[in-house]
Amino acid sequence: MNAWRAMNRALAPINGTLWLISAEWFLLEVWKGYFNTYTTEPAIAARVERQLAPMRAKLADRKSAFDSGCRTFFFIDKHPELAERFVMNFERCYEEATIAWGINHELL
């Protein structure tokens, strides 16, 4: 406390330059700023959207998911020589699935 007073007298004898602040007060101010900035509903929604947008795009890409799934299911990812044995493709699978489900795939 004496060092604080001495520094204030040396730096700005009238108004004081340095303040006496506790670590608890400082932490409280930091958390208040965080809560008021980053934990509001709009801020949370924006953060969630930034995280989910790439995942949403990846899930919406049915062909890419199918190709990756087939490569894994038929072990083509581990043994590329197996690729010529399997003639399954996305277009055929998707068309047959939508017909089986009674969905007109031309409307999709």
PDB file of N, CA and C in Angstrom:
ATOM      1  N   MET A   1       0.823  -1.181   0.000  1.00  0.00           N
ATOM      2  CA  MET A   1       0.000   0.000   0.000  1.00  0.00           C
ATOM      3  C   MET A   1       0.873   1.254   0.000  1.00  0.00           C
ATOM      4  N   ASN A   2       1.959   1.212   0.760  1.00  0.00           N
ATOM      5  CA  ASN A   2       2.859   2.371   0.785  1.00  0.00           C
ATOM      6  C   ASN A   2       3.522   2.591  -0.566  1.00  0.00           C
ATOM      7  N   ALA A   3       3.882   1.482  -1.227  1.00  0.00           N
ATOM      8  CA  ALA A   3       4.510   1.602  -2.544  1.00  0.00           C
ATOM      9  C   ALA A   3       3.530   2.220  -3.532  1.00  0.00           C
ATOM     10  N   TRP A   4       2.275   1.846  -3.467  1.00  0.00           N
ATOM     11  CA  TRP A   4       1.242   2.395  -4.346  1.00  0.00           C
ATOM     12  C   TRP A   4       1.111   3.907  -4.146  1.00  0.00           C
ATOM     13  N   ARG A   5       1.070   4.333  -2.901  1.00  0.00           N
ATOM     14  CA  ARG A   5       0.957   5.777  -2.603  1.00  0.00           C
ATOM     15  C   ARG A   5       2.193   6.528  -3.095  1.00  0.00           C
ATOM     16  N   ALA A   6       3.353   5.958  -2.871  1.00  0.00           N
ATOM     17  CA  ALA A   6       4.591   6.609  -3.291  1.00  0.00           C
ATOM     18  C   ALA A   6       4.648   6.734  -4.807  1.00  0.00           C
ATOM     19  N   MET A   7       4.222   5.712  -5.521  1.00  0.00           N
ATOM     20  CA  MET A   7       4.232   5.775  -6.984  1.00  0.00           C
ATOM     21  C   MET A   7       3.232   6.813  -7.483  1.00  0.00           C
ATOM     22  N   ASN A   8       2.077   6.890  -6.880  1.00  0.00           N
ATOM     23  CA  ASN A   8       1.090   7.892  -7.289  1.00  0.00           C
ATOM     24  C   ASN A   8       1.603   9.310  -7.025  1.00  0.00           C
ATOM     25  N   ARG A   9       2.258   9.516  -5.892  1.00  0.00           N
ATOM     26  CA  ARG A   9       2.802  10.855  -5.591  1.00  0.00           C
ATOM     27  C   ARG A   9       3.874  11.237  -6.602  1.00  0.00           C
ATOM     28  N   ALA A  10       4.667  10.252  -7.014  1.00  0.00           N
ATOM     29  CA  ALA A  10       5.745  10.543  -7.953  1.00  0.00           C
ATOM     30  C   ALA A  10       5.209  10.776  -9.369  1.00  0.00           C
ATOM     31  N   LEU A  11       4.190  10.014  -9.773  1.00  0.00           N
ATOM     32  CA  LEU A  11       3.688  10.100 -11.144  1.00  0.00           C
ATOM     33  C   LEU A  11       2.671  11.220 -11.349  1.00  0.00           C
ATOM     34  N   ALA A  12       1.727  11.337 -10.441  1.00  0.00           N
ATOM     35  CA  ALA A  12       0.670  12.348 -10.587  1.00  0.00           C
ATOM     36  C   ALA A  12       0.210  12.756  -9.199  1.00  0.00           C
ATOM     37  N   PRO A  13       0.866  13.700  -8.612  1.00  0.00           N
ATOM     38  CA  PRO A  13       0.585  14.033  -7.211  1.00  0.00           C
ATOM     39  C   PRO A  13      -0.838  14.532  -6.955  1.00  0.00           C
ATOM     40  N   ILE A  14      -1.517  15.086  -7.948  1.00  0.00           N
ATOM     41  CA  ILE A  14      -2.844  15.645  -7.688  1.00  0.00           C
ATOM     42  C   ILE A  14      -3.940  14.588  -7.862  1.00  0.00           C
ATOM     43  N   ASN A  15      -4.030  13.976  -9.024  1.00  0.00           N
ATOM     44  CA  ASN A  15      -5.135  13.053  -9.309  1.00  0.00           C
ATOM     45  C   ASN A  15      -4.812  11.588  -9.009  1.00  0.00           C
ATOM     46  N   GLY A  16      -3.612  11.205  -9.072  1.00  0.00           N
ATOM     47  CA  GLY A  16      -3.244   9.800  -8.915  1.00  0.00           C
ATOM     48  C   GLY A  16      -3.409   9.067 -10.234  1.00  0.00           C
ATOM     49  N   THR A  17      -2.412   8.320 -10.598  1.00  0.00           N
ATOM     50  CA  THR A  17      -2.427   7.596 -11.864  1.00  0.00           C
ATOM     51  C   THR A  17      -2.796   6.137 -11.649  1.00  0.00           C
ATOM     52  N   LEU A  18      -2.267   5.548 -10.616  1.00  0.00           N
ATOM     53  CA  LEU A  18      -2.481   4.126 -10.357  1.00  0.00           C
ATOM     54  C   LEU A  18      -3.650   3.931  -9.404  1.00  0.00           C
ATOM     55  N   TRP A  19      -4.414   2.895  -9.652  1.00  0.00           N
ATOM     56  CA  TRP A  19      -5.558   2.581  -8.794  1.00  0.00           C
ATOM     57  C   TRP A  19      -5.265   1.306  -8.026  1.00  0.00           C
ATOM     58  N   LEU A  20      -5.845   1.200  -6.908  1.00  0.00           N
ATOM     59  CA  LEU A  20      -5.734  -0.007  -6.103  1.00  0.00           C
ATOM     60  C   LEU A  20      -6.920  -0.901  -6.459  1.00  0.00           C
ATOM     61  N   ILE A  21      -6.644  -1.998  -7.153  1.00  0.00           N
ATOM     62  CA  ILE A  21      -7.688  -2.898  -7.639  1.00  0.00           C
ATOM     63  C   ILE A  21      -7.373  -4.307  -7.156  1.00  0.00           C
ATOM     64  N   SER A  22      -8.407  -4.989  -6.663  1.00  0.00           N
ATOM     65  CA  SER A  22      -8.185  -6.365  -6.215  1.00  0.00           C
ATOM     66  C   SER A  22      -8.299  -7.322  -7.397  1.00  0.00           C
ATOM     67  N   ALA A  23      -7.685  -8.466  -7.236  1.00  0.00           N
ATOM     68  CA  ALA A  23      -7.769  -9.499  -8.267  1.00  0.00           C
ATOM     69  C   ALA A  23      -9.222  -9.950  -8.446  1.00  0.00           C
ATOM     70  N   GLU A  24      -9.974 -10.012  -7.338  1.00  0.00           N
ATOM     71  CA  GLU A  24     -11.380 -10.413  -7.415  1.00  0.00           C
ATOM     72  C   GLU A  24     -12.186  -9.419  -8.248  1.00  0.00           C
ATOM     73  N   TRP A  25     -11.952  -8.123  -8.041  1.00  0.00           N
ATOM     74  CA  TRP A  25     -12.678  -7.101  -8.806  1.00  0.00           C
ATOM     75  C   TRP A  25     -12.335  -7.230 -10.292  1.00  0.00           C
ATOM     76  N   PHE A  26     -11.058  -7.411 -10.589  1.00  0.00           N
ATOM     77  CA  PHE A  26     -10.623  -7.526 -11.973  1.00  0.00           C
ATOM     78  C   PHE A  26     -11.265  -8.742 -12.651  1.00  0.00           C
ATOM     79  N   LEU A  27     -11.252  -9.891 -11.959  1.00  0.00           N
ATOM     80  CA  LEU A  27     -11.861 -11.093 -12.515  1.00  0.00           C
ATOM     81  C   LEU A  27     -13.363 -10.894 -12.728  1.00  0.00           C
ATOM     82  N   LEU A  28     -14.019 -10.249 -11.784  1.00  0.00           N
ATOM     83  CA  LEU A  28     -15.439  -9.962 -11.919  1.00  0.00           C
ATOM     84  C   LEU A  28     -15.707  -9.112 -13.163  1.00  0.00           C
ATOM     85  N   GLU A  29     -14.904  -8.112 -13.402  1.00  0.00           N
ATOM     86  CA  GLU A  29     -15.083  -7.248 -14.575  1.00  0.00           C
ATOM     87  C   GLU A  29     -14.859  -8.019 -15.880  1.00  0.00           C
ATOM     88  N   VAL A  30     -13.873  -8.884 -15.887  1.00  0.00           N
ATOM     89  CA  VAL A  30     -13.610  -9.687 -17.077  1.00  0.00           C
ATOM     90  C   VAL A  30     -14.799 -10.594 -17.363  1.00  0.00           C
ATOM     91  N   TRP A  31     -15.300 -11.288 -16.336  1.00  0.00           N
ATOM     92  CA  TRP A  31     -16.425 -12.193 -16.533  1.00  0.00           C
ATOM     93  C   TRP A  31     -17.694 -11.457 -16.917  1.00  0.00           C
ATOM     94  N   LYS A  32     -17.921 -10.296 -16.333  1.00  0.00           N
ATOM     95  CA  LYS A  32     -19.105  -9.511 -16.719  1.00  0.00           C
ATOM     96  C   LYS A  32     -19.034  -9.153 -18.198  1.00  0.00           C
ATOM     97  N   GLY A  33     -17.874  -8.737 -18.649  1.00  0.00           N
ATOM     98  CA  GLY A  33     -17.710  -8.427 -20.067  1.00  0.00           C
ATOM     99  C   GLY A  33     -17.947  -9.637 -20.948  1.00  0.00           C
ATOM    100  N   TYR A  34     -17.417 -10.779 -20.522  1.00  0.00           N
ATOM    101  CA  TYR A  34     -17.617 -12.014 -21.288  1.00  0.00           C
ATOM    102  C   TYR A  34     -19.092 -12.386 -21.336  1.00  0.00           C
ATOM    103  N   PHE A  35     -19.736 -12.415 -20.162  1.00  0.00           N
ATOM    104  CA  PHE A  35     -21.147 -12.805 -20.117  1.00  0.00           C
ATOM    105  C   PHE A  35     -22.020 -11.859 -20.930  1.00  0.00           C
ATOM    106  N   ASN A  36     -21.775 -10.572 -20.824  1.00  0.00           N
ATOM    107  CA  ASN A  36     -22.605  -9.589 -21.517  1.00  0.00           C
ATOM    108  C   ASN A  36     -22.337  -9.541 -23.015  1.00  0.00           C
ATOM    109  N   THR A  37     -21.198 -10.026 -23.449  1.00  0.00           N
ATOM    110  CA  THR A  37     -20.855  -9.992 -24.871  1.00  0.00           C
ATOM    111  C   THR A  37     -21.093 -11.330 -25.559  1.00  0.00           C
ATOM    112  N   TYR A  38     -20.643 -12.410 -24.952  1.00  0.00           N
ATOM    113  CA  TYR A  38     -20.608 -13.698 -25.638  1.00  0.00           C
ATOM    114  C   TYR A  38     -21.676 -14.700 -25.216  1.00  0.00           C
ATOM    115  N   THR A  39     -22.455 -14.414 -24.179  1.00  0.00           N
ATOM    116  CA  THR A  39     -23.445 -15.395 -23.736  1.00  0.00           C
ATOM    117  C   THR A  39     -24.877 -14.901 -23.895  1.00  0.00           C
ATOM    118  N   THR A  40     -25.082 -13.882 -24.694  1.00  0.00           N
ATOM    119  CA  THR A  40     -26.446 -13.458 -25.000  1.00  0.00           C
ATOM    120  C   THR A  40     -27.012 -14.436 -26.023  1.00  0.00           C
ATOM    121  N   GLU A  41     -28.322 -14.501 -26.138  1.00  0.00           N
ATOM    122  CA  GLU A  41     -28.932 -15.424 -27.102  1.00  0.00           C
ATOM    123  C   GLU A  41     -28.451 -15.182 -28.530  1.00  0.00           C
ATOM    124  N   PRO A  42     -28.420 -13.921 -29.001  1.00  0.00           N
ATOM    125  CA  PRO A  42     -27.921 -13.719 -30.372  1.00  0.00           C
ATOM    126  C   PRO A  42     -26.456 -14.138 -30.547  1.00  0.00           C
ATOM    127  N   ALA A  43     -25.633 -13.878 -29.540  1.00  0.00           N
ATOM    128  CA  ALA A  43     -24.217 -14.248 -29.634  1.00  0.00           C
ATOM    129  C   ALA A  43     -24.045 -15.766 -29.636  1.00  0.00           C
ATOM    130  N   ILE A  44     -24.797 -16.444 -28.784  1.00  0.00           N
ATOM    131  CA  ILE A  44     -24.719 -17.914 -28.741  1.00  0.00           C
ATOM    132  C   ILE A  44     -25.208 -18.493 -30.060  1.00  0.00           C
ATOM    133  N   ALA A  45     -26.321 -17.979 -30.572  1.00  0.00           N
ATOM    134  CA  ALA A  45     -26.852 -18.477 -31.846  1.00  0.00           C
ATOM    135  C   ALA A  45     -25.844 -18.291 -32.972  1.00  0.00           C
ATOM    136  N   ALA A  46     -25.172 -17.161 -32.992  1.00  0.00           N
ATOM    137  CA  ALA A  46     -24.171 -16.907 -34.040  1.00  0.00           C
ATOM    138  C   ALA A  46     -22.993 -17.872 -33.912  1.00  0.00           C
ATOM    139  N   ARG A  47     -22.551 -18.115 -32.686  1.00  0.00           N
ATOM    140  CA  ARG A  47     -21.434 -19.037 -32.474  1.00  0.00           C
ATOM    141  C   ARG A  47     -21.817 -20.463 -32.863  1.00  0.00           C
ATOM    142  N   VAL A  48     -23.020 -20.872 -32.501  1.00  0.00           N
ATOM    143  CA  VAL A  48     -23.493 -22.215 -32.854  1.00  0.00           C
ATOM    144  C   VAL A  48     -23.582 -22.342 -34.372  1.00  0.00           C
ATOM    145  N   GLU A  49     -24.132 -21.333 -35.030  1.00  0.00           N
ATOM    146  CA  GLU A  49     -24.264 -21.382 -36.485  1.00  0.00           C
ATOM    147  C   GLU A  49     -22.906 -21.486 -37.163  1.00  0.00           C
ATOM    148  N   ARG A  50     -21.918 -20.741 -36.664  1.00  0.00           N
ATOM    149  CA  ARG A  50     -20.574 -20.824 -37.252  1.00  0.00           C
ATOM    150  C   ARG A  50     -20.003 -22.230 -37.118  1.00  0.00           C
ATOM    151  N   GLN A  51     -20.314 -22.901 -35.999  1.00  0.00           N
ATOM    152  CA  GLN A  51     -19.798 -24.252 -35.795  1.00  0.00           C
ATOM    153  C   GLN A  51     -20.570 -25.282 -36.613  1.00  0.00           C
ATOM    154  N   LEU A  52     -21.885 -25.080 -36.754  1.00  0.00           N
ATOM    155  CA  LEU A  52     -22.719 -26.066 -37.420  1.00  0.00           C
ATOM    156  C   LEU A  52     -22.766 -25.922 -38.934  1.00  0.00           C
ATOM    157  N   ALA A  53     -22.503 -24.741 -39.449  1.00  0.00           N
ATOM    158  CA  ALA A  53     -22.623 -24.517 -40.894  1.00  0.00           C
ATOM    159  C   ALA A  53     -21.791 -25.512 -41.709  1.00  0.00           C
ATOM    160  N   PRO A  54     -20.522 -25.720 -41.374  1.00  0.00           N
ATOM    161  CA  PRO A  54     -19.750 -26.701 -42.154  1.00  0.00           C
ATOM    162  C   PRO A  54     -20.319 -28.118 -42.028  1.00  0.00           C
ATOM    163  N   MET A  55     -20.775 -28.475 -40.826  1.00  0.00           N
ATOM    164  CA  MET A  55     -21.334 -29.802 -40.617  1.00  0.00           C
ATOM    165  C   MET A  55     -22.641 -29.953 -41.403  1.00  0.00           C
ATOM    166  N   ARG A  56     -23.472 -28.909 -41.389  1.00  0.00           N
ATOM    167  CA  ARG A  56     -24.733 -28.930 -42.125  1.00  0.00           C
ATOM    168  C   ARG A  56     -24.474 -29.120 -43.617  1.00  0.00           C
ATOM    169  N   ALA A  57     -23.495 -28.405 -44.129  1.00  0.00           N
ATOM    170  CA  ALA A  57     -23.159 -28.517 -45.545  1.00  0.00           C
ATOM    171  C   ALA A  57     -22.653 -29.925 -45.864  1.00  0.00           C
ATOM    172  N   LYS A  58     -21.845 -30.468 -44.986  1.00  0.00           N
ATOM    173  CA  LYS A  58     -21.310 -31.817 -45.213  1.00  0.00           C
ATOM    174  C   LYS A  58     -22.431 -32.851 -45.197  1.00  0.00           C
ATOM    175  N   LEU A  59     -23.360 -32.732 -44.254  1.00  0.00           N
ATOM    176  CA  LEU A  59     -24.465 -33.681 -44.172  1.00  0.00           C
ATOM    177  C   LEU A  59     -25.426 -33.548 -45.349  1.00  0.00           C
ATOM    178  N   ALA A  60     -25.547 -32.358 -45.880  1.00  0.00           N
ATOM    179  CA  ALA A  60     -26.456 -32.131 -47.001  1.00  0.00           C
ATOM    180  C   ALA A  60     -25.894 -32.672 -48.314  1.00  0.00           C
ATOM    181  N   ASP A  61     -24.609 -32.909 -48.362  1.00  0.00           N
ATOM    182  CA  ASP A  61     -23.972 -33.423 -49.574  1.00  0.00           C
ATOM    183  C   ASP A  61     -24.118 -34.944 -49.598  1.00  0.00           C
ATOM    184  N   ARG A  62     -25.264 -35.420 -50.071  1.00  0.00           N
ATOM    185  CA  ARG A  62     -25.571 -36.847 -50.042  1.00  0.00           C
ATOM    186  C   ARG A  62     -24.601 -37.673 -50.885  1.00  0.00           C
ATOM    187  N   LYS A  63     -24.235 -37.165 -52.028  1.00  0.00           N
ATOM    188  CA  LYS A  63     -23.337 -37.917 -52.905  1.00  0.00           C
ATOM    189  C   LYS A  63     -21.980 -38.143 -52.249  1.00  0.00           C
ATOM    190  N   SER A  64     -21.449 -37.107 -51.650  1.00  0.00           N
ATOM    191  CA  SER A  64     -20.159 -37.235 -50.988  1.00  0.00           C
ATOM    192  C   SER A  64     -20.246 -38.213 -49.812  1.00  0.00           C
ATOM    193  N   ALA A  65     -21.333 -38.124 -49.039  1.00  0.00           N
ATOM    194  CA  ALA A  65     -21.523 -39.048 -47.914  1.00  0.00           C
ATOM    195  C   ALA A  65     -21.644 -40.480 -48.415  1.00  0.00           C
ATOM    196  N   PHE A  66     -22.397 -40.655 -49.510  1.00  0.00           N
ATOM    197  CA  PHE A  66     -22.558 -41.991 -50.094  1.00  0.00           C
ATOM    198  C   PHE A  66     -21.206 -42.533 -50.565  1.00  0.00           C
ATOM    199  N   ASP A  67     -20.475 -41.726 -51.319  1.00  0.00           N
ATOM    200  CA  ASP A  67     -19.179 -42.176 -51.842  1.00  0.00           C
ATOM    201  C   ASP A  67     -18.237 -42.570 -50.714  1.00  0.00           C
ATOM    202  N   SER A  68     -18.198 -41.758 -49.687  1.00  0.00           N
ATOM    203  CA  SER A  68     -17.331 -42.059 -48.548  1.00  0.00           C
ATOM    204  C   SER A  68     -17.795 -43.319 -47.828  1.00  0.00           C
ATOM    205  N   GLY A  69     -19.111 -43.439 -47.638  1.00  0.00           N
ATOM    206  CA  GLY A  69     -19.656 -44.620 -46.969  1.00  0.00           C
ATOM    207  C   GLY A  69     -19.397 -45.898 -47.742  1.00  0.00           C
ATOM    208  N   CYS A  70     -19.574 -45.841 -49.062  1.00  0.00           N
ATOM    209  CA  CYS A  70     -19.304 -47.035 -49.888  1.00  0.00           C
ATOM    210  C   CYS A  70     -17.835 -47.419 -49.836  1.00  0.00           C
ATOM    211  N   ARG A  71     -16.977 -46.438 -49.906  1.00  0.00           N
ATOM    212  CA  ARG A  71     -15.539 -46.730 -49.873  1.00  0.00           C
ATOM    213  C   ARG A  71     -15.173 -47.414 -48.561  1.00  0.00           C
ATOM    214  N   THR A  72     -15.807 -46.992 -47.483  1.00  0.00           N
ATOM    215  CA  THR A  72     -15.532 -47.604 -46.178  1.00  0.00           C
ATOM    216  C   THR A  72     -16.199 -48.975 -46.072  1.00  0.00           C
ATOM    217  N   PHE A  73     -17.477 -49.055 -46.443  1.00  0.00           N
ATOM    218  CA  PHE A  73     -18.234 -50.303 -46.319  1.00  0.00           C
ATOM    219  C   PHE A  73     -17.596 -51.434 -47.114  1.00  0.00           C
ATOM    220  N   PHE A  74     -17.187 -51.148 -48.336  1.00  0.00           N
ATOM    221  CA  PHE A  74     -16.594 -52.168 -49.187  1.00  0.00           C
ATOM    222  C   PHE A  74     -15.069 -52.246 -49.043  1.00  0.00           C
ATOM    223  N   PHE A  75     -14.512 -51.560 -48.084  1.00  0.00           N
ATOM    224  CA  PHE A  75     -13.064 -51.566 -47.799  1.00  0.00           C
ATOM    225  C   PHE A  75     -12.224 -51.057 -48.963  1.00  0.00           C
ATOM    226  N   ILE A  76     -12.819 -50.265 -49.827  1.00  0.00           N
ATOM    227  CA  ILE A  76     -12.073 -49.703 -50.950  1.00  0.00           C
ATOM    228  C   ILE A  76     -11.052 -48.686 -50.446  1.00  0.00           C
ATOM    229  N   ASP A  77     -11.362 -48.044 -49.324  1.00  0.00           N
ATOM    230  CA  ASP A  77     -10.407 -47.088 -48.756  1.00  0.00           C
ATOM    231  C   ASP A  77      -9.125 -47.789 -48.313  1.00  0.00           C
ATOM    232  N   LYS A  78      -9.235 -49.053 -47.903  1.00  0.00           N
ATOM    233  CA  LYS A  78      -8.059 -49.819 -47.458  1.00  0.00           C
ATOM    234  C   LYS A  78      -7.448 -50.639 -48.601  1.00  0.00           C
ATOM    235  N   HIS A  79      -8.309 -51.061 -49.532  1.00  0.00           N
ATOM    236  CA  HIS A  79      -7.868 -51.915 -50.641  1.00  0.00           C
ATOM    237  C   HIS A  79      -8.451 -51.375 -51.949  1.00  0.00           C
ATOM    238  N   PRO A  80      -7.815 -50.386 -52.545  1.00  0.00           N
ATOM    239  CA  PRO A  80      -8.351 -49.746 -53.761  1.00  0.00           C
ATOM    240  C   PRO A  80      -8.614 -50.719 -54.908  1.00  0.00           C
ATOM    241  N   GLU A  81      -7.922 -51.840 -54.922  1.00  0.00           N
ATOM    242  CA  GLU A  81      -8.126 -52.810 -56.001  1.00  0.00           C
ATOM    243  C   GLU A  81      -9.539 -53.413 -55.986  1.00  0.00           C
ATOM    244  N   LEU A  82     -10.253 -53.260 -54.855  1.00  0.00           N
ATOM    245  CA  LEU A  82     -11.622 -53.782 -54.765  1.00  0.00           C
ATOM    246  C   LEU A  82     -12.635 -52.905 -55.503  1.00  0.00           C
ATOM    247  N   ALA A  83     -12.269 -51.717 -55.875  1.00  0.00           N
ATOM    248  CA  ALA A  83     -13.206 -50.764 -56.479  1.00  0.00           C
ATOM    249  C   ALA A  83     -13.868 -51.322 -57.726  1.00  0.00           C
ATOM    250  N   GLU A  84     -13.124 -52.057 -58.539  1.00  0.00           N
ATOM    251  CA  GLU A  84     -13.691 -52.574 -59.782  1.00  0.00           C
ATOM    252  C   GLU A  84     -14.712 -53.688 -59.550  1.00  0.00           C
ATOM    253  N   ARG A  85     -14.736 -54.271 -58.350  1.00  0.00           N
ATOM    254  CA  ARG A  85     -15.681 -55.357 -58.044  1.00  0.00           C
ATOM    255  C   ARG A  85     -17.065 -54.833 -57.686  1.00  0.00           C
ATOM    256  N   PHE A  86     -17.148 -53.577 -57.265  1.00  0.00           N
ATOM    257  CA  PHE A  86     -18.422 -53.025 -56.804  1.00  0.00           C
ATOM    258  C   PHE A  86     -18.864 -51.911 -57.740  1.00  0.00           C
ATOM    259  N   VAL A  87     -20.043 -52.070 -58.320  1.00  0.00           N
ATOM    260  CA  VAL A  87     -20.525 -51.116 -59.316  1.00  0.00           C
ATOM    261  C   VAL A  87     -21.587 -50.172 -58.738  1.00  0.00           C
ATOM    262  N   MET A  88     -21.735 -50.179 -57.460  1.00  0.00           N
ATOM    263  CA  MET A  88     -22.724 -49.323 -56.805  1.00  0.00           C
ATOM    264  C   MET A  88     -22.349 -47.865 -57.018  1.00  0.00           C
ATOM    265  N   ASN A  89     -23.336 -47.045 -57.381  1.00  0.00           N
ATOM    266  CA  ASN A  89     -23.070 -45.613 -57.479  1.00  0.00           C
ATOM    267  C   ASN A  89     -24.219 -44.840 -56.852  1.00  0.00           C
ATOM    268  N   PHE A  90     -23.974 -43.596 -56.565  1.00  0.00           N
ATOM    269  CA  PHE A  90     -24.942 -42.771 -55.855  1.00  0.00           C
ATOM    270  C   PHE A  90     -26.251 -42.651 -56.617  1.00  0.00           C
ATOM    271  N   GLU A  91     -26.176 -42.358 -57.907  1.00  0.00           N
ATOM    272  CA  GLU A  91     -27.388 -42.125 -58.685  1.00  0.00           C
ATOM    273  C   GLU A  91     -28.309 -43.349 -58.655  1.00  0.00           C
ATOM    274  N   ARG A  92     -27.733 -44.513 -58.855  1.00  0.00           N
ATOM    275  CA  ARG A  92     -28.530 -45.744 -58.839  1.00  0.00           C
ATOM    276  C   ARG A  92     -29.131 -45.995 -57.463  1.00  0.00           C
ATOM    277  N   CYS A  93     -28.321 -45.877 -56.456  1.00  0.00           N
ATOM    278  CA  CYS A  93     -28.787 -46.117 -55.087  1.00  0.00           C
ATOM    279  C   CYS A  93     -29.873 -45.115 -54.696  1.00  0.00           C
ATOM    280  N   TYR A  94     -29.653 -43.856 -54.991  1.00  0.00           N
ATOM    281  CA  TYR A  94     -30.610 -42.808 -54.608  1.00  0.00           C
ATOM    282  C   TYR A  94     -31.930 -42.996 -55.340  1.00  0.00           C
ATOM    283  N   GLU A  95     -31.856 -43.320 -56.621  1.00  0.00           N
ATOM    284  CA  GLU A  95     -33.074 -43.524 -57.396  1.00  0.00           C
ATOM    285  C   GLU A  95     -33.860 -44.724 -56.873  1.00  0.00           C
ATOM    286  N   GLU A  96     -33.185 -45.835 -56.635  1.00  0.00           N
ATOM    287  CA  GLU A  96     -33.866 -47.032 -56.131  1.00  0.00           C
ATOM    288  C   GLU A  96     -34.440 -46.798 -54.739  1.00  0.00           C
ATOM    289  N   ALA A  97     -33.739 -46.065 -53.908  1.00  0.00           N
ATOM    290  CA  ALA A  97     -34.227 -45.794 -52.557  1.00  0.00           C
ATOM    291  C   ALA A  97     -35.474 -44.921 -52.602  1.00  0.00           C
ATOM    292  N   THR A  98     -35.477 -43.907 -53.434  1.00  0.00           N
ATOM    293  CA  THR A  98     -36.637 -43.014 -53.482  1.00  0.00           C
ATOM    294  C   THR A  98     -37.844 -43.723 -54.088  1.00  0.00           C
ATOM    295  N   ILE A  99     -37.611 -44.602 -55.042  1.00  0.00           N
ATOM    296  CA  ILE A  99     -38.721 -45.373 -55.610  1.00  0.00           C
ATOM    297  C   ILE A  99     -39.278 -46.321 -54.557  1.00  0.00           C
ATOM    298  N   ALA A 100     -38.397 -46.984 -53.824  1.00  0.00           N
ATOM    299  CA  ALA A 100     -38.827 -47.905 -52.774  1.00  0.00           C
ATOM    300  C   ALA A 100     -39.613 -47.186 -51.689  1.00  0.00           C
ATOM    301  N   TRP A 101     -39.263 -45.945 -51.411  1.00  0.00           N
ATOM    302  CA  TRP A 101     -39.965 -45.177 -50.390  1.00  0.00           C
ATOM    303  C   TRP A 101     -41.226 -44.503 -50.926  1.00  0.00           C
ATOM    304  N   GLY A 102     -41.459 -44.632 -52.227  1.00  0.00           N
ATOM    305  CA  GLY A 102     -42.620 -43.999 -52.831  1.00  0.00           C
ATOM    306  C   GLY A 102     -42.446 -42.506 -53.015  1.00  0.00           C
ATOM    307  N   ILE A 103     -41.199 -42.067 -53.155  1.00  0.00           N
ATOM    308  CA  ILE A 103     -40.900 -40.640 -53.315  1.00  0.00           C
ATOM    309  C   ILE A 103     -40.559 -40.377 -54.771  1.00  0.00           C
ATOM    310  N   ASN A 104     -41.131 -39.342 -55.319  1.00  0.00           N
ATOM    311  CA  ASN A 104     -40.791 -38.951 -56.684  1.00  0.00           C
ATOM    312  C   ASN A 104     -39.498 -38.145 -56.616  1.00  0.00           C
ATOM    313  N   HIS A 105     -38.358 -38.802 -56.936  1.00  0.00           N
ATOM    314  CA  HIS A 105     -37.053 -38.150 -56.794  1.00  0.00           C
ATOM    315  C   HIS A 105     -36.887 -36.965 -57.742  1.00  0.00           C
ATOM    316  N   GLU A 106     -37.705 -36.880 -58.777  1.00  0.00           N
ATOM    317  CA  GLU A 106     -37.596 -35.740 -59.686  1.00  0.00           C
ATOM    318  C   GLU A 106     -38.076 -34.447 -59.011  1.00  0.00           C
ATOM    319  N   LEU A 107     -38.914 -34.591 -57.968  1.00  0.00           N
ATOM    320  CA  LEU A 107     -39.402 -33.406 -57.249  1.00  0.00           C
ATOM    321  C   LEU A 107     -38.417 -32.916 -56.209  1.00  0.00           C
ATOM    322  N   LEU A 108     -37.419 -33.738 -55.888  1.00  0.00           N
ATOM    323  CA  LEU A 108     -36.465 -33.356 -54.829  1.00  0.00           C
ATOM    324  C   LEU A 108     -35.435 -32.401 -55.309  1.00  0.00           C
TER     325      LEU A 108
END
